[in-house]
Amino acid sequence: MQRRFLLLVVCWCAGLLSVLATGNYSTTYVSLNRQDALLYAPDTLSAKSGVAVVVMHSDENYMGFVANAELARRGNRVLAIFFF
């Protein structure tokens, strides 16, 4: 029981540190007619920078979704749209 709890705490701390770490990407506000969006772009362009991922959902705000920053840190561009 104590090992499981310790493992849970270690995993939680590792996840928290990865979320709080500042990455090598920038965000830019984009106005798409009636929609708001954020473009996550890596600071260093690579072969993966030509790949763009569009993130949106019909009833949620995905502009601050954790995966957006993680994909940008790994070299992809991400367009996160607030769809309303």
Protein backbone atom coordinates (compact mmCIF):
# COMPACT_ATOMS: atom_id res chain seq x y z
CA MET A 1 0.00 0.00 0.00
CA GLN A 2 2.79 2.43 0.89
CA ARG A 3 4.68 1.62 -2.32
CA ARG A 4 1.62 2.39 -4.42
CA PHE A 5 1.13 5.69 -2.64
CA LEU A 6 4.79 6.60 -3.08
CA LEU A 7 4.64 5.68 -6.77
CA LEU A 8 1.51 7.82 -7.17
CA VAL A 9 3.22 10.82 -5.54
CA VAL A 10 6.37 10.44 -7.66
CA CYS A 11 4.35 10.19 -10.89
CA TRP A 12 2.26 13.20 -9.92
CA CYS A 13 5.36 15.29 -9.17
CA ALA A 14 6.99 14.28 -12.46
CA GLY A 15 3.86 15.27 -14.36
CA LEU A 16 3.62 18.57 -12.53
CA LEU A 17 7.23 19.42 -13.29
CA SER A 18 6.77 18.74 -16.99
CA VAL A 19 3.71 21.01 -17.09
CA LEU A 20 5.44 23.82 -15.18
CA ALA A 21 8.64 23.67 -17.22
CA THR A 22 9.02 26.54 -19.63
CA GLY A 23 9.40 25.29 -23.15
CA ASN A 24 11.00 26.47 -26.31
CA TYR A 25 7.84 27.66 -28.01
CA SER A 26 5.84 30.83 -28.41
CA THR A 27 2.12 31.53 -28.61
CA THR A 28 0.40 33.98 -30.89
CA TYR A 29 -3.24 35.06 -30.74
CA VAL A 30 -5.07 34.51 -34.03
CA SER A 31 -8.52 35.87 -34.87
CA LEU A 32 -10.39 33.56 -37.25
CA ASN A 33 -13.43 35.64 -38.16
CA ARG A 34 -15.76 34.71 -35.25
CA GLN A 35 -13.39 32.24 -33.55
CA ASP A 36 -10.46 32.87 -31.23
CA ALA A 37 -7.32 30.75 -31.54
CA LEU A 38 -3.78 30.42 -30.24
CA LEU A 39 -0.94 29.33 -32.48
CA TYR A 40 1.75 27.41 -30.61
CA ALA A 41 4.99 27.47 -32.61
CA PRO A 42 8.41 26.04 -31.72
CA ASP A 43 11.24 28.55 -31.43
CA THR A 44 13.60 26.33 -33.41
CA LEU A 45 12.24 25.23 -36.76
CA SER A 46 12.82 21.65 -37.87
CA ALA A 47 11.36 19.14 -40.32
CA LYS A 48 8.41 18.64 -37.95
CA SER A 49 7.60 22.36 -38.00
CA GLY A 50 5.79 21.86 -41.29
CA VAL A 51 3.27 19.64 -39.54
CA ALA A 52 0.38 21.51 -37.96
CA VAL A 53 -2.10 20.04 -35.51
CA VAL A 54 -5.55 21.62 -35.09
CA VAL A 55 -7.03 21.16 -31.61
CA MET A 56 -10.67 22.03 -30.94
CA HIS A 57 -13.84 20.69 -29.37
CA SER A 58 -17.46 21.68 -29.78
CA ASP A 59 -18.14 22.47 -26.12
CA GLU A 60 -14.74 22.97 -24.48
CA ASN A 61 -11.96 25.56 -24.59
CA TYR A 62 -8.81 23.75 -25.73
CA MET A 63 -6.63 26.86 -26.06
CA GLY A 64 -4.78 25.99 -22.84
CA PHE A 65 -4.75 22.20 -23.32
CA VAL A 66 -1.52 20.63 -22.00
CA ALA A 67 -0.89 18.69 -25.21
CA ASN A 68 -0.62 21.95 -27.20
CA ALA A 69 2.55 23.02 -25.39
CA GLU A 70 3.97 19.50 -25.41
CA LEU A 71 3.54 19.17 -29.18
CA ALA A 72 5.11 22.61 -29.71
CA ARG A 73 8.07 21.66 -27.50
CA ARG A 74 8.58 18.65 -29.76
CA GLY A 75 8.70 20.76 -32.93
CA ASN A 76 5.11 20.77 -34.22
CA ARG A 77 2.91 23.79 -34.76
CA VAL A 78 -0.46 23.67 -33.00
CA LEU A 79 -3.53 25.77 -33.70
CA ALA A 80 -5.83 25.61 -30.68
CA ILE A 81 -9.29 26.99 -31.42
CA PHE A 82 -11.94 28.15 -28.95
CA PHE A 83 -15.05 26.94 -30.73
CA PHE A 84 -18.31 28.46 -29.51
